Protein backbone atom coordinates (compact mmCIF):
# COMPACT_ATOMS: atom_id res chain seq x y z
CA MET A 1 180.44 -43.36 106.43
CA GLY A 2 184.10 -44.12 105.79
CA ARG A 3 184.96 -46.46 102.96
CA PRO A 4 185.79 -50.06 103.83
CA THR A 5 189.22 -51.34 102.81
CA ILE A 6 187.61 -53.85 100.43
CA THR A 7 184.46 -53.10 98.42
CA PRO A 8 183.14 -55.76 96.04
CA GLY A 9 181.76 -54.72 92.66
CA LEU A 10 178.96 -56.72 91.08
CA TRP A 11 178.02 -56.63 87.41
CA TYR A 12 174.32 -56.74 86.52
CA GLN A 13 172.68 -56.82 83.11
CA ASP A 14 170.09 -54.36 84.46
CA PRO A 15 171.87 -52.43 87.21
CA ARG A 16 168.96 -50.11 87.99
CA ALA A 17 166.61 -53.06 88.52
CA ALA A 18 169.33 -54.71 90.62
CA ILE A 19 169.66 -51.64 92.86
CA ALA A 20 165.90 -51.49 93.44
CA TRP A 21 165.85 -55.22 94.20
CA LEU A 22 168.86 -55.09 96.57
CA GLU A 23 167.16 -52.29 98.50
CA LYS A 24 163.89 -54.23 98.75
CA ALA A 25 165.29 -57.70 99.38
CA PHE A 26 168.37 -57.09 101.50
CA GLY A 27 167.88 -53.57 102.88
CA PHE A 28 170.71 -51.85 101.04
CA GLU A 29 170.65 -48.04 100.83
CA THR A 30 171.83 -46.36 97.63
CA LEU A 31 174.46 -43.70 98.30
CA LEU A 32 175.58 -42.79 94.79
CA VAL A 33 174.61 -43.40 91.16
CA VAL A 34 176.74 -42.15 88.26
CA ASP A 35 174.76 -41.83 85.02
CA ASP A 36 176.58 -42.29 81.72
CA GLY A 37 174.77 -39.39 80.04
CA GLN A 38 173.00 -41.75 77.60
CA GLY A 39 170.31 -43.18 79.84
CA GLY A 40 172.59 -45.82 81.31
CA MET A 41 174.54 -46.12 84.51
CA MET A 42 178.31 -46.25 84.92
CA HIS A 43 178.67 -46.86 88.65
CA SER A 44 176.81 -46.97 91.95
CA GLU A 45 177.51 -47.48 95.62
CA LEU A 46 175.15 -49.10 98.13
CA LYS A 47 175.60 -49.57 101.86
CA LEU A 48 174.28 -52.04 104.40
CA GLU A 49 175.25 -51.62 108.03
CA GLY A 50 179.04 -51.07 107.86
CA GLY A 51 179.52 -52.58 104.40
CA LEU A 52 179.61 -51.18 100.89
CA ILE A 53 179.13 -52.71 97.43
CA MET A 54 179.33 -51.26 93.94
CA VAL A 55 176.70 -52.20 91.36
CA MET A 56 177.76 -51.77 87.74
CA GLY A 57 176.46 -52.68 84.33
CA PRO A 58 175.57 -53.81 81.92
CA PRO A 59 178.69 -55.99 81.87
CA ARG A 60 181.33 -55.56 79.20
CA ALA A 61 183.86 -58.33 78.43
CA PRO A 62 185.55 -59.80 80.35
CA SER A 63 183.00 -59.02 83.10
CA PHE A 64 179.67 -60.85 83.33
CA SER A 65 176.59 -61.44 85.41
CA PRO A 66 176.10 -65.07 86.50
CA VAL A 67 172.63 -65.11 84.88
CA ALA A 68 174.37 -64.92 81.47
CA PHE A 69 176.21 -68.18 82.23
CA GLY A 70 173.49 -70.38 83.66
CA GLY A 71 174.08 -69.19 87.21
CA ARG A 72 177.80 -70.00 87.28
CA ALA A 73 179.69 -67.55 89.46
CA SER A 74 183.31 -67.14 90.46
CA GLN A 75 182.54 -65.35 93.73
CA SER A 76 180.11 -65.06 96.59
CA ILE A 77 179.27 -62.14 98.84
CA HIS A 78 178.98 -62.68 102.60
CA VAL A 79 177.27 -60.12 104.83
CA GLN A 80 177.53 -60.32 108.60
CA LEU A 81 174.34 -58.88 110.09
CA THR A 82 173.97 -57.52 113.61
CA THR A 83 170.29 -58.36 114.13
CA ASP A 84 167.46 -60.74 113.18
CA LEU A 85 168.82 -62.98 110.46
CA ASP A 86 165.51 -64.85 110.22
CA ALA A 87 163.56 -61.67 109.47
CA HIS A 88 166.19 -60.75 106.88
CA CYS A 89 165.74 -64.13 105.19
CA ALA A 90 161.96 -63.71 105.17
CA ARG A 91 162.35 -60.25 103.59
CA ALA A 92 164.70 -61.61 100.92
CA ARG A 93 162.36 -64.55 100.17
CA ALA A 94 159.36 -62.19 99.85
CA ALA A 95 161.33 -60.14 97.30
CA GLY A 96 162.06 -63.24 95.22
CA ALA A 97 165.47 -64.36 96.48
CA ARG A 98 165.98 -68.06 95.88
CA ILE A 99 166.96 -69.47 99.25
CA GLY A 100 169.65 -72.13 98.90
CA ARG A 101 170.18 -72.88 102.57
CA GLU A 102 167.54 -72.04 105.14
CA PRO A 103 168.61 -70.18 108.31
CA GLU A 104 170.46 -72.58 110.56
CA THR A 105 172.58 -72.13 113.65
CA GLN A 106 176.11 -73.36 113.04
CA ALA A 107 178.35 -75.12 115.56
CA TYR A 108 180.73 -72.14 115.51
CA GLY A 109 178.08 -69.79 116.94
CA ASP A 110 176.64 -68.05 113.87
CA ARG A 111 173.20 -68.40 112.30
CA VAL A 112 173.52 -68.43 108.48
CA TYR A 113 171.43 -68.61 105.31
CA THR A 114 172.34 -68.49 101.61
CA CYS A 115 170.48 -67.31 98.53
CA LEU A 116 170.72 -66.19 94.91
CA ASP A 117 169.67 -62.72 93.81
CA LEU A 118 167.71 -61.76 90.70
CA GLU A 119 170.74 -62.35 88.42
CA ASP A 120 172.08 -65.44 90.23
CA HIS A 121 174.79 -63.75 92.31
CA PRO A 122 175.33 -65.99 95.36
CA TRP A 123 174.97 -64.37 98.79
CA SER A 124 175.35 -65.63 102.33
CA PHE A 125 174.18 -63.82 105.44
CA GLY A 126 175.26 -64.56 108.98
CA GLN A 127 174.58 -63.32 112.49
CA THR A 128 176.76 -64.18 115.47
CA LEU A 129 174.61 -65.63 118.23
CA THR A 130 177.37 -66.96 120.47
CA GLN A 131 180.90 -65.58 120.43
CA LEU A 132 183.28 -68.55 120.67
CA THR A 133 187.04 -68.65 121.11
CA VAL A 134 189.09 -70.35 118.40
CA ASP A 135 189.54 -73.38 120.68
CA GLU A 136 185.77 -73.54 121.32
CA MET A 137 185.07 -73.31 117.55
CA ALA A 138 187.55 -76.11 116.87
CA ALA A 139 185.95 -78.30 119.53
CA ALA A 140 182.41 -77.53 118.31
CA THR A 141 183.14 -78.15 114.63
CA GLY A 142 185.72 -80.93 114.90
CA HIS A 143 188.04 -78.98 112.58
CA ALA A 144 191.53 -77.68 113.28
CA ILE A 145 191.42 -73.88 113.22
CA THR A 146 194.44 -71.64 113.11
CA THR A 147 194.45 -67.88 113.25
CA SER A 148 196.92 -65.05 113.22
CA LEU A 149 194.41 -62.60 114.69
């Protein structure tokens, strides 16, 4: 697998527990774990479909896990799935993900759900059901949409 141009890194207080949970809940596959030689972990890489994330921890200032700040987060991770968003949501729920927004088909053609992981990192998952043009999305949502793509 080639590396994506952008790879988010997430800090967890217990990165090993986070890796196990991300595999169980979301279907990530661990590619690499770098031990620190003292029983801890310096770095890891996990893949899901064509995407890659890094799991690191425990956090050192100025980095933090949202769980340390009452669930406040400055970012969110979005994953675009290719199949069965509803089954993915059920799997995440069974693993303990806190579902914020149940799966729902959006006017722009995607089905989406949101959740929080075991340390309150916000995630959204989507699956394109109907491929719409920009003009069709604008008409369906009632919002002006511009693109340079």
